[in-house]
């Protein structure tokens, strides 16, 4: 039942440092596209005053998340995984922060639109949104490896691809979210932080 994604263990340490700086000291974090559930367990074990709400649109991922949740003994601080199609209308939710890693480039553009619109609805004033993954800056890849990765993604699915951060930020602004910081991460990825307007 439990899936294991090697990239999760490689990137979780640097992401944790970003989350420690930007997430509220307590409250509920809605994770979008939680995948295997490994991130949820790792971050919850290091951020003991936060409640984690994992979600995914893939039924197999939901099963993996639940298996990790039970295996790690974190069922009181990780809520049961929620089925969430980001591009469809979201159910009624509330969260103090939203976190999403490695989804924007492996999904159609409509998913990014849905992510920003949904985050704008569920976050309270001053609530935080944190994204992690590869992005282009001013239309340019940040490394040759990202350009090659982008070409591979588009060959697999023409609707996928490394996104322009400026285009993603425009969606965020429309949803009432203001850019706070862009942080360079290992492997030519970025963490990007937005705050919901009062």
N, C-alpha and C. Protein backbone atom coordinates (compact mmCIF):
# COMPACT_ATOMS: atom_id res chain seq x y z
N UNK A 1 0.82 -1.21 0.00
CA UNK A 1 0.00 0.00 0.00
C UNK A 1 0.86 1.26 0.00
N UNK A 2 1.96 1.22 0.75
CA UNK A 2 2.80 2.42 0.88
C UNK A 2 3.66 2.59 -0.37
N UNK A 3 3.55 3.76 -0.98
CA UNK A 3 4.44 4.11 -2.08
C UNK A 3 5.67 4.81 -1.52
N UNK A 4 6.77 4.71 -2.27
CA UNK A 4 7.99 5.41 -1.87
C UNK A 4 8.55 6.15 -3.08
N UNK A 5 8.71 7.46 -2.94
CA UNK A 5 9.28 8.28 -4.00
C UNK A 5 10.66 8.77 -3.54
N UNK A 6 11.75 8.31 -4.19
CA UNK A 6 13.10 8.69 -3.73
C UNK A 6 13.32 10.19 -3.62
N UNK A 7 12.70 10.98 -4.51
CA UNK A 7 12.90 12.43 -4.46
C UNK A 7 12.40 13.03 -3.15
N UNK A 8 11.43 12.36 -2.52
CA UNK A 8 10.87 12.91 -1.28
C UNK A 8 11.93 13.03 -0.21
N UNK A 9 12.74 12.00 -0.03
CA UNK A 9 13.75 12.04 1.02
C UNK A 9 14.90 12.98 0.66
N UNK A 10 15.09 13.22 -0.64
CA UNK A 10 16.17 14.13 -1.04
C UNK A 10 15.82 15.59 -0.79
N UNK A 11 14.54 15.95 -0.94
CA UNK A 11 14.21 17.38 -0.88
C UNK A 11 13.55 17.81 0.43
N UNK A 12 13.22 16.87 1.30
CA UNK A 12 12.40 17.22 2.46
C UNK A 12 13.11 18.11 3.47
N UNK A 13 14.42 17.93 3.62
CA UNK A 13 15.14 18.75 4.59
C UNK A 13 15.12 20.23 4.24
N UNK A 14 15.54 20.60 3.04
CA UNK A 14 15.49 22.01 2.65
C UNK A 14 14.07 22.58 2.65
N UNK A 15 13.08 21.79 2.24
CA UNK A 15 11.70 22.28 2.26
C UNK A 15 11.26 22.54 3.70
N UNK A 16 11.63 21.65 4.61
CA UNK A 16 11.27 21.84 6.01
C UNK A 16 11.76 23.17 6.54
N UNK A 17 12.97 23.56 6.17
CA UNK A 17 13.49 24.84 6.65
C UNK A 17 12.65 26.01 6.15
N UNK A 18 12.17 25.92 4.92
CA UNK A 18 11.28 26.96 4.38
C UNK A 18 9.97 26.97 5.16
N UNK A 19 9.41 25.80 5.39
CA UNK A 19 8.13 25.72 6.10
C UNK A 19 8.27 26.26 7.53
N UNK A 20 9.37 25.97 8.17
CA UNK A 20 9.57 26.49 9.53
C UNK A 20 9.56 28.02 9.55
N UNK A 21 10.05 28.62 8.50
CA UNK A 21 10.11 30.09 8.44
C UNK A 21 8.76 30.70 8.14
N UNK A 22 7.93 30.01 7.33
CA UNK A 22 6.76 30.68 6.78
C UNK A 22 5.42 30.14 7.27
N UNK A 23 5.35 28.91 7.74
CA UNK A 23 4.08 28.41 8.23
C UNK A 23 3.76 28.99 9.59
N UNK A 24 2.48 29.08 9.95
CA UNK A 24 2.13 29.57 11.28
C UNK A 24 2.62 28.58 12.34
N UNK A 25 2.79 29.04 13.59
CA UNK A 25 3.29 28.13 14.63
C UNK A 25 2.31 27.02 14.96
N UNK A 26 1.02 27.24 14.71
CA UNK A 26 0.03 26.19 14.93
C UNK A 26 -1.12 26.40 13.95
N UNK A 27 -1.97 25.39 13.81
CA UNK A 27 -3.08 25.47 12.88
C UNK A 27 -3.10 24.29 11.94
N UNK A 28 -3.86 24.42 10.84
CA UNK A 28 -4.07 23.34 9.88
C UNK A 28 -3.37 23.69 8.57
N UNK A 29 -2.59 22.74 8.06
CA UNK A 29 -1.94 22.87 6.75
C UNK A 29 -2.62 21.92 5.78
N UNK A 30 -3.16 22.46 4.71
CA UNK A 30 -3.72 21.65 3.63
C UNK A 30 -2.63 21.39 2.61
N UNK A 31 -2.27 20.12 2.44
CA UNK A 31 -1.29 19.76 1.42
C UNK A 31 -2.02 19.30 0.17
N UNK A 32 -1.69 19.92 -0.95
CA UNK A 32 -2.27 19.58 -2.24
C UNK A 32 -1.34 18.60 -2.95
N UNK A 33 -1.93 17.56 -3.57
CA UNK A 33 -1.15 16.54 -4.30
C UNK A 33 -0.11 15.91 -3.39
N UNK A 34 -0.59 15.28 -2.32
CA UNK A 34 0.31 14.72 -1.30
C UNK A 34 1.08 13.50 -1.78
N UNK A 35 0.66 12.89 -2.88
CA UNK A 35 1.42 11.78 -3.44
C UNK A 35 1.46 10.57 -2.53
N UNK A 36 2.66 10.13 -2.17
CA UNK A 36 2.81 8.92 -1.37
C UNK A 36 2.38 9.11 0.08
N UNK A 37 2.44 10.34 0.57
CA UNK A 37 2.18 10.61 1.99
C UNK A 37 3.43 10.75 2.82
N UNK A 38 4.59 10.54 2.21
CA UNK A 38 5.86 10.62 2.95
C UNK A 38 6.14 12.04 3.45
N UNK A 39 5.86 13.03 2.61
CA UNK A 39 6.07 14.40 3.06
C UNK A 39 5.20 14.72 4.27
N UNK A 40 3.95 14.30 4.22
CA UNK A 40 3.03 14.60 5.32
C UNK A 40 3.59 14.06 6.64
N UNK A 41 4.08 12.83 6.62
CA UNK A 41 4.63 12.24 7.85
C UNK A 41 5.90 12.95 8.30
N UNK A 42 6.78 13.24 7.38
CA UNK A 42 8.05 13.88 7.73
C UNK A 42 7.81 15.27 8.32
N UNK A 43 7.03 16.08 7.64
CA UNK A 43 6.82 17.45 8.12
C UNK A 43 6.05 17.47 9.43
N UNK A 44 5.06 16.60 9.56
CA UNK A 44 4.29 16.57 10.80
C UNK A 44 5.16 16.16 11.98
N UNK A 45 6.08 15.22 11.76
CA UNK A 45 6.94 14.78 12.85
C UNK A 45 7.91 15.87 13.30
N UNK A 46 8.17 16.85 12.43
CA UNK A 46 9.10 17.94 12.76
C UNK A 46 8.40 19.26 13.09
N UNK A 47 7.10 19.31 12.86
CA UNK A 47 6.31 20.51 13.15
C UNK A 47 5.16 20.10 14.06
N UNK A 48 5.45 19.82 15.32
CA UNK A 48 4.49 19.12 16.19
C UNK A 48 3.23 19.89 16.53
N UNK A 49 3.20 21.19 16.32
CA UNK A 49 2.01 21.97 16.67
C UNK A 49 1.08 22.22 15.49
N UNK A 50 1.39 21.61 14.35
CA UNK A 50 0.54 21.76 13.17
C UNK A 50 -0.26 20.48 12.91
N UNK A 51 -1.47 20.65 12.44
CA UNK A 51 -2.29 19.54 11.97
C UNK A 51 -2.20 19.51 10.45
N UNK A 52 -1.92 18.33 9.90
CA UNK A 52 -1.70 18.20 8.45
C UNK A 52 -2.92 17.57 7.81
N UNK A 53 -3.44 18.21 6.76
CA UNK A 53 -4.54 17.65 5.98
C UNK A 53 -4.02 17.28 4.60
N UNK A 54 -3.65 16.01 4.38
CA UNK A 54 -3.19 15.61 3.05
C UNK A 54 -4.37 15.47 2.09
N UNK A 55 -4.08 15.61 0.80
CA UNK A 55 -5.11 15.43 -0.22
C UNK A 55 -4.45 14.97 -1.51
N UNK A 56 -5.25 14.34 -2.37
CA UNK A 56 -4.76 13.94 -3.69
C UNK A 56 -5.97 13.57 -4.53
N UNK A 57 -5.80 13.61 -5.84
CA UNK A 57 -6.86 13.22 -6.75
C UNK A 57 -6.77 11.78 -7.21
N UNK A 58 -5.71 11.07 -6.79
CA UNK A 58 -5.46 9.70 -7.22
C UNK A 58 -5.81 8.75 -6.07
N UNK A 59 -6.70 7.80 -6.33
CA UNK A 59 -7.14 6.88 -5.28
C UNK A 59 -5.99 6.04 -4.73
N UNK A 60 -5.05 5.64 -5.59
CA UNK A 60 -3.91 4.86 -5.11
C UNK A 60 -3.03 5.69 -4.18
N UNK A 61 -2.90 6.97 -4.47
CA UNK A 61 -2.14 7.85 -3.58
C UNK A 61 -2.84 7.98 -2.23
N UNK A 62 -4.16 8.07 -2.24
CA UNK A 62 -4.89 8.17 -0.98
C UNK A 62 -4.64 6.95 -0.12
N UNK A 63 -4.59 5.77 -0.73
CA UNK A 63 -4.32 4.54 0.02
C UNK A 63 -2.91 4.56 0.60
N UNK A 64 -1.95 5.04 -0.18
CA UNK A 64 -0.58 5.13 0.31
C UNK A 64 -0.47 6.13 1.46
N UNK A 65 -1.11 7.28 1.33
CA UNK A 65 -1.08 8.28 2.39
C UNK A 65 -1.63 7.68 3.69
N UNK A 66 -2.76 6.98 3.59
CA UNK A 66 -3.36 6.40 4.79
C UNK A 66 -2.44 5.33 5.40
N UNK A 67 -1.77 4.54 4.55
CA UNK A 67 -0.86 3.52 5.06
C UNK A 67 0.32 4.16 5.79
N UNK A 68 0.90 5.21 5.24
CA UNK A 68 1.99 5.91 5.92
C UNK A 68 1.49 6.54 7.22
N UNK A 69 0.31 7.13 7.17
CA UNK A 69 -0.27 7.77 8.35
C UNK A 69 -0.42 6.79 9.51
N UNK A 70 -0.92 5.61 9.22
CA UNK A 70 -1.10 4.60 10.25
C UNK A 70 0.24 4.01 10.70
N UNK A 71 1.14 3.78 9.76
CA UNK A 71 2.42 3.16 10.07
C UNK A 71 3.28 4.04 10.98
N UNK A 72 3.21 5.34 10.79
CA UNK A 72 4.05 6.26 11.56
C UNK A 72 3.41 6.67 12.88
N UNK A 73 2.20 6.21 13.16
CA UNK A 73 1.55 6.55 14.41
C UNK A 73 1.20 8.02 14.53
N UNK A 74 0.88 8.64 13.41
CA UNK A 74 0.61 10.09 13.40
C UNK A 74 -0.86 10.39 13.10
N UNK A 75 -1.73 9.41 13.35
CA UNK A 75 -3.12 9.57 12.94
C UNK A 75 -3.84 10.68 13.71
N UNK A 76 -3.31 11.10 14.85
CA UNK A 76 -3.97 12.19 15.58
C UNK A 76 -3.59 13.56 15.02
N UNK A 77 -2.46 13.65 14.32
CA UNK A 77 -2.02 14.95 13.80
C UNK A 77 -2.02 15.03 12.28
N UNK A 78 -2.23 13.89 11.63
CA UNK A 78 -2.45 13.88 10.19
C UNK A 78 -3.88 13.41 9.97
N UNK A 79 -4.69 14.25 9.38
CA UNK A 79 -6.08 13.89 9.13
C UNK A 79 -6.17 12.84 8.03
N UNK A 80 -7.26 12.08 7.98
CA UNK A 80 -7.44 11.14 6.88
C UNK A 80 -7.33 11.86 5.54
N UNK A 81 -6.69 11.23 4.55
CA UNK A 81 -6.48 11.92 3.27
C UNK A 81 -7.80 12.23 2.59
N UNK A 82 -7.81 13.38 1.95
CA UNK A 82 -8.99 13.91 1.29
C UNK A 82 -8.85 13.77 -0.22
N UNK A 83 -9.88 13.23 -0.89
CA UNK A 83 -9.87 13.21 -2.36
C UNK A 83 -10.18 14.62 -2.85
N UNK A 84 -9.24 15.19 -3.60
CA UNK A 84 -9.41 16.56 -4.08
C UNK A 84 -8.90 16.67 -5.51
N UNK A 85 -9.79 16.93 -6.44
CA UNK A 85 -9.45 17.26 -7.82
C UNK A 85 -9.25 18.76 -7.86
N UNK A 86 -8.02 19.18 -7.94
CA UNK A 86 -7.69 20.60 -7.79
C UNK A 86 -8.35 21.45 -8.87
N UNK A 87 -8.52 20.89 -10.07
CA UNK A 87 -9.07 21.66 -11.18
C UNK A 87 -10.59 21.74 -11.15
N UNK A 88 -11.25 20.94 -10.29
CA UNK A 88 -12.70 20.98 -10.15
C UNK A 88 -13.06 21.88 -8.97
N UNK A 89 -14.32 22.25 -8.84
CA UNK A 89 -14.71 23.04 -7.66
C UNK A 89 -14.33 22.33 -6.36
N UNK A 90 -13.73 23.06 -5.46
CA UNK A 90 -13.28 22.46 -4.20
C UNK A 90 -14.45 22.32 -3.24
N UNK A 91 -14.44 21.28 -2.39
CA UNK A 91 -15.43 21.21 -1.32
C UNK A 91 -15.15 22.31 -0.29
N UNK A 92 -16.07 22.51 0.63
CA UNK A 92 -15.85 23.51 1.66
C UNK A 92 -14.68 23.07 2.53
N UNK A 93 -13.66 23.89 2.60
CA UNK A 93 -12.46 23.60 3.38
C UNK A 93 -11.99 24.89 4.03
N UNK A 94 -11.24 24.74 5.10
CA UNK A 94 -10.54 25.89 5.67
C UNK A 94 -9.18 25.40 6.14
N UNK A 95 -8.19 26.26 6.01
CA UNK A 95 -6.83 25.91 6.41
C UNK A 95 -6.08 27.19 6.71
N UNK A 96 -5.11 27.09 7.59
CA UNK A 96 -4.28 28.25 7.91
C UNK A 96 -3.14 28.43 6.93
N UNK A 97 -2.81 27.35 6.20
CA UNK A 97 -1.75 27.41 5.19
C UNK A 97 -2.01 26.31 4.18
N UNK A 98 -1.48 26.52 2.97
CA UNK A 98 -1.57 25.52 1.90
C UNK A 98 -0.16 25.26 1.40
N UNK A 99 0.17 23.97 1.22
CA UNK A 99 1.49 23.57 0.72
C UNK A 99 1.30 22.62 -0.45
N UNK A 100 2.13 22.80 -1.48
CA UNK A 100 2.06 21.94 -2.66
C UNK A 100 3.45 21.79 -3.26
N UNK A 101 3.89 20.53 -3.40
CA UNK A 101 5.22 20.26 -3.97
C UNK A 101 5.08 19.44 -5.24
N UNK A 102 5.80 19.85 -6.27
CA UNK A 102 5.98 19.04 -7.48
C UNK A 102 4.67 18.61 -8.13
N UNK A 103 3.74 19.56 -8.25
CA UNK A 103 2.51 19.28 -8.97
C UNK A 103 2.35 20.17 -10.20
N UNK A 104 2.73 21.42 -10.09
CA UNK A 104 2.40 22.41 -11.11
C UNK A 104 2.95 22.01 -12.48
N UNK A 105 4.13 21.42 -12.52
CA UNK A 105 4.75 21.08 -13.81
C UNK A 105 4.28 19.72 -14.34
N UNK A 106 3.69 18.87 -13.47
CA UNK A 106 3.26 17.54 -13.91
C UNK A 106 1.73 17.51 -13.92
N UNK A 107 1.14 18.51 -14.54
CA UNK A 107 -0.31 18.61 -14.62
C UNK A 107 -0.65 19.69 -15.64
N UNK A 108 -1.88 19.69 -16.15
CA UNK A 108 -2.27 20.75 -17.10
C UNK A 108 -2.32 22.12 -16.42
N UNK A 109 -2.29 23.16 -17.23
CA UNK A 109 -2.34 24.53 -16.70
C UNK A 109 -3.61 24.77 -15.88
N UNK A 110 -4.71 24.11 -16.24
CA UNK A 110 -5.96 24.27 -15.48
C UNK A 110 -5.78 23.88 -14.02
N UNK A 111 -4.84 22.99 -13.73
CA UNK A 111 -4.58 22.61 -12.35
C UNK A 111 -3.95 23.76 -11.58
N UNK A 112 -3.04 24.49 -12.21
CA UNK A 112 -2.46 25.66 -11.56
C UNK A 112 -3.53 26.72 -11.31
N UNK A 113 -4.42 26.89 -12.29
CA UNK A 113 -5.52 27.84 -12.11
C UNK A 113 -6.39 27.42 -10.93
N UNK A 114 -6.70 26.13 -10.85
CA UNK A 114 -7.52 25.64 -9.75
C UNK A 114 -6.83 25.74 -8.41
N UNK A 115 -5.52 25.49 -8.40
CA UNK A 115 -4.76 25.58 -7.15
C UNK A 115 -4.81 26.99 -6.58
N UNK A 116 -4.56 27.97 -7.42
CA UNK A 116 -4.54 29.35 -6.92
C UNK A 116 -5.93 29.82 -6.51
N UNK A 117 -6.92 29.51 -7.33
CA UNK A 117 -8.28 29.91 -6.98
C UNK A 117 -8.73 29.24 -5.69
N UNK A 118 -8.42 27.94 -5.55
CA UNK A 118 -8.80 27.22 -4.35
C UNK A 118 -8.10 27.74 -3.11
N UNK A 119 -6.80 27.99 -3.23
CA UNK A 119 -6.05 28.53 -2.08
C UNK A 119 -6.61 29.89 -1.67
N UNK A 120 -6.97 30.70 -2.67
CA UNK A 120 -7.54 32.00 -2.36
C UNK A 120 -8.84 31.90 -1.57
N UNK A 121 -9.59 30.82 -1.81
CA UNK A 121 -10.86 30.64 -1.10
C UNK A 121 -10.68 30.08 0.31
N UNK A 122 -9.76 29.11 0.47
CA UNK A 122 -9.67 28.41 1.76
C UNK A 122 -8.82 29.15 2.78
N UNK A 123 -7.89 29.99 2.32
CA UNK A 123 -6.99 30.65 3.26
C UNK A 123 -7.66 31.84 3.94
N UNK A 124 -7.36 32.05 5.21
CA UNK A 124 -7.84 33.25 5.89
C UNK A 124 -6.94 34.43 5.54
N UNK A 125 -7.32 35.65 5.90
CA UNK A 125 -6.39 36.77 5.73
C UNK A 125 -5.04 36.46 6.38
N UNK A 126 -3.97 36.74 5.65
CA UNK A 126 -2.58 36.49 6.06
C UNK A 126 -2.19 35.01 6.00
N UNK A 127 -3.09 34.13 5.52
CA UNK A 127 -2.74 32.73 5.37
C UNK A 127 -1.67 32.55 4.30
N UNK A 128 -0.86 31.50 4.44
CA UNK A 128 0.30 31.31 3.59
C UNK A 128 0.09 30.18 2.57
N UNK A 129 0.62 30.39 1.37
CA UNK A 129 0.72 29.37 0.34
C UNK A 129 2.19 29.18 0.01
N UNK A 130 2.65 27.92 0.04
CA UNK A 130 4.05 27.60 -0.29
C UNK A 130 4.05 26.56 -1.40
N UNK A 131 4.71 26.87 -2.51
CA UNK A 131 4.90 25.92 -3.61
C UNK A 131 6.36 25.55 -3.71
N UNK A 132 6.60 24.31 -4.13
CA UNK A 132 7.97 23.84 -4.35
C UNK A 132 8.03 23.12 -5.69
N UNK A 133 9.08 23.38 -6.46
CA UNK A 133 9.29 22.68 -7.71
C UNK A 133 10.13 23.50 -8.67
N UNK A 134 10.29 23.04 -9.91
CA UNK A 134 11.04 23.80 -10.90
C UNK A 134 10.15 24.86 -11.55
N UNK A 135 10.73 26.01 -11.83
CA UNK A 135 10.02 27.09 -12.53
C UNK A 135 10.99 27.78 -13.48
N UNK A 136 10.44 28.40 -14.52
CA UNK A 136 11.22 29.32 -15.35
C UNK A 136 11.10 30.72 -14.75
N UNK A 137 12.15 31.51 -14.88
CA UNK A 137 12.15 32.89 -14.43
C UNK A 137 12.30 33.79 -15.65
N UNK A 138 11.33 34.68 -15.83
CA UNK A 138 11.34 35.58 -16.99
C UNK A 138 11.44 34.80 -18.30
N UNK A 139 10.75 33.66 -18.34
CA UNK A 139 10.71 32.85 -19.54
C UNK A 139 11.93 32.00 -19.79
N UNK A 140 12.88 31.97 -18.86
CA UNK A 140 14.14 31.26 -19.05
C UNK A 140 14.31 30.18 -18.00
N UNK A 141 14.76 28.99 -18.42
CA UNK A 141 15.04 27.93 -17.47
C UNK A 141 16.22 28.32 -16.58
N UNK A 142 16.18 27.87 -15.35
CA UNK A 142 17.24 28.22 -14.40
C UNK A 142 18.47 27.33 -14.55
N UNK A 143 18.38 26.26 -15.34
CA UNK A 143 19.53 25.37 -15.55
C UNK A 143 19.27 24.52 -16.78
N UNK A 144 20.32 24.07 -17.48
CA UNK A 144 20.12 23.18 -18.63
C UNK A 144 19.35 21.91 -18.26
N UNK A 145 19.56 21.39 -17.06
CA UNK A 145 18.85 20.18 -16.65
C UNK A 145 17.34 20.42 -16.57
N UNK A 146 16.94 21.62 -16.19
CA UNK A 146 15.51 21.93 -16.15
C UNK A 146 14.94 22.04 -17.56
N UNK A 147 15.73 22.56 -18.50
CA UNK A 147 15.27 22.61 -19.89
C UNK A 147 15.06 21.20 -20.44
N UNK A 148 15.98 20.30 -20.13
CA UNK A 148 15.85 18.92 -20.58
C UNK A 148 14.65 18.25 -19.91
N UNK A 149 14.44 18.53 -18.63
CA UNK A 149 13.30 17.98 -17.91
C UNK A 149 12.00 18.49 -18.51
N UNK A 150 11.95 19.76 -18.85
CA UNK A 150 10.77 20.35 -19.46
C UNK A 150 10.45 19.67 -20.79
N UNK A 151 11.47 19.45 -21.60
CA UNK A 151 11.27 18.79 -22.90
C UNK A 151 10.74 17.38 -22.70
N UNK A 152 11.26 16.67 -21.70
CA UNK A 152 10.80 15.31 -21.42
C UNK A 152 9.34 15.31 -20.95
N UNK A 153 9.00 16.26 -20.08
CA UNK A 153 7.61 16.35 -19.62
C UNK A 153 6.65 16.58 -20.78
N UNK A 154 7.00 17.53 -21.65
CA UNK A 154 6.11 17.86 -22.77
C UNK A 154 6.03 16.73 -23.78
N UNK A 155 7.08 15.93 -23.90
CA UNK A 155 7.03 14.76 -24.77
C UNK A 155 6.07 13.70 -24.21
N UNK A 156 6.03 13.60 -22.88
CA UNK A 156 5.13 12.64 -22.25
C UNK A 156 3.67 13.11 -22.29
N UNK A 157 3.49 14.43 -22.13
CA UNK A 157 2.14 14.99 -22.15
C UNK A 157 2.26 16.46 -22.54
N UNK A 158 1.72 16.83 -23.70
CA UNK A 158 1.87 18.22 -24.16
C UNK A 158 1.28 19.26 -23.21
N UNK A 159 0.41 18.83 -22.29
CA UNK A 159 -0.19 19.77 -21.35
C UNK A 159 0.68 19.99 -20.11
N UNK A 160 1.74 19.21 -19.97
CA UNK A 160 2.66 19.36 -18.83
C UNK A 160 3.78 20.31 -19.21
N UNK A 161 4.61 20.67 -18.23
CA UNK A 161 5.79 21.47 -18.50
C UNK A 161 6.14 22.39 -17.36
N UNK A 162 7.41 22.76 -17.31
CA UNK A 162 7.89 23.71 -16.30
C UNK A 162 7.27 25.07 -16.59
N UNK A 163 6.63 25.65 -15.60
CA UNK A 163 5.86 26.89 -15.80
C UNK A 163 6.70 28.14 -15.56
N UNK A 164 6.26 29.22 -16.20
CA UNK A 164 6.84 30.54 -15.92
C UNK A 164 6.33 31.00 -14.56
N UNK A 165 7.24 31.33 -13.67
CA UNK A 165 6.83 31.77 -12.34
C UNK A 165 5.98 33.03 -12.44
N UNK A 166 6.27 33.89 -13.40
CA UNK A 166 5.50 35.12 -13.54
C UNK A 166 4.04 34.83 -13.88
N UNK A 167 3.80 33.79 -14.68
CA UNK A 167 2.42 33.42 -15.02
C UNK A 167 1.70 32.84 -13.80
N UNK A 168 2.41 32.04 -13.02
CA UNK A 168 1.83 31.48 -11.80
C UNK A 168 1.54 32.59 -10.80
N UNK A 169 2.44 33.55 -10.71
CA UNK A 169 2.24 34.66 -9.78
C UNK A 169 1.04 35.51 -10.21
N UNK A 170 0.81 35.63 -11.51
CA UNK A 170 -0.37 36.38 -11.98
C UNK A 170 -1.66 35.71 -11.51
N UNK A 171 -1.69 34.36 -11.56
CA UNK A 171 -2.85 33.64 -11.03
C UNK A 171 -3.01 33.90 -9.53
N UNK A 172 -1.88 33.91 -8.82
CA UNK A 172 -1.94 34.14 -7.38
C UNK A 172 -2.51 35.52 -7.07
N UNK A 173 -2.07 36.53 -7.81
CA UNK A 173 -2.57 37.89 -7.56
C UNK A 173 -4.08 37.97 -7.80
N UNK A 174 -4.54 37.30 -8.86
CA UNK A 174 -5.98 37.28 -9.14
C UNK A 174 -6.76 36.64 -8.00
N UNK A 175 -6.13 35.70 -7.29
CA UNK A 175 -6.79 34.98 -6.20
C UNK A 175 -6.61 35.69 -4.85
N UNK A 176 -5.99 36.87 -4.86
CA UNK A 176 -5.82 37.62 -3.62
C UNK A 176 -4.59 37.26 -2.83
N UNK A 177 -3.57 36.71 -3.50
CA UNK A 177 -2.34 36.27 -2.84
C UNK A 177 -1.18 37.14 -3.31
N UNK A 178 -0.40 37.62 -2.38
CA UNK A 178 0.75 38.47 -2.71
C UNK A 178 2.06 37.72 -2.50
N UNK A 179 2.94 37.81 -3.49
CA UNK A 179 4.24 37.15 -3.42
C UNK A 179 5.07 37.69 -2.27
N UNK A 180 5.68 36.79 -1.51
CA UNK A 180 6.51 37.17 -0.37
C UNK A 180 7.99 36.88 -0.60
N UNK A 181 8.29 35.70 -1.15
CA UNK A 181 9.70 35.33 -1.31
C UNK A 181 9.82 34.18 -2.31
N UNK A 182 10.91 34.20 -3.06
CA UNK A 182 11.31 33.08 -3.91
C UNK A 182 12.67 32.61 -3.41
N UNK A 183 12.77 31.32 -3.09
CA UNK A 183 13.95 30.77 -2.43
C UNK A 183 14.58 29.72 -3.33
N UNK A 184 15.85 29.89 -3.66
CA UNK A 184 16.57 28.89 -4.44
C UNK A 184 16.77 27.63 -3.59
N UNK A 185 16.50 26.49 -4.21
CA UNK A 185 16.57 25.20 -3.51
C UNK A 185 17.55 24.28 -4.24
N UNK A 186 17.93 23.16 -3.62
CA UNK A 186 18.80 22.21 -4.33
C UNK A 186 18.15 21.69 -5.60
N UNK A 187 18.98 21.17 -6.48
CA UNK A 187 18.54 20.55 -7.74
C UNK A 187 17.78 21.53 -8.64
N UNK A 188 18.15 22.82 -8.55
CA UNK A 188 17.59 23.86 -9.42
C UNK A 188 16.08 24.02 -9.28
N UNK A 189 15.57 23.73 -8.09
CA UNK A 189 14.17 23.97 -7.79
C UNK A 189 14.02 25.27 -7.01
N UNK A 190 12.77 25.69 -6.83
CA UNK A 190 12.47 26.89 -6.07
C UNK A 190 11.36 26.60 -5.07
N UNK A 191 11.40 27.30 -3.95
CA UNK A 191 10.23 27.41 -3.09
C UNK A 191 9.71 28.83 -3.25
N UNK A 192 8.40 28.95 -3.41
CA UNK A 192 7.78 30.25 -3.64
C UNK A 192 6.67 30.43 -2.61
N UNK A 193 6.64 31.61 -1.99
CA UNK A 193 5.73 31.85 -0.88
C UNK A 193 4.82 33.03 -1.21
N UNK A 194 3.51 32.84 -0.96
CA UNK A 194 2.52 33.92 -1.09
C UNK A 194 1.74 34.06 0.22
N UNK A 195 1.19 35.25 0.43
CA UNK A 195 0.37 35.52 1.61
C UNK A 195 -0.98 36.05 1.14
N UNK A 196 -2.05 35.54 1.76
CA UNK A 196 -3.40 36.03 1.44
C UNK A 196 -3.56 37.46 1.95
N UNK A 197 -4.11 38.31 1.10
CA UNK A 197 -4.33 39.70 1.49
C UNK A 197 -5.35 39.79 2.63
N UNK A 198 -5.23 40.81 3.48
CA UNK A 198 -6.22 41.02 4.56
C UNK A 198 -7.61 41.26 3.97
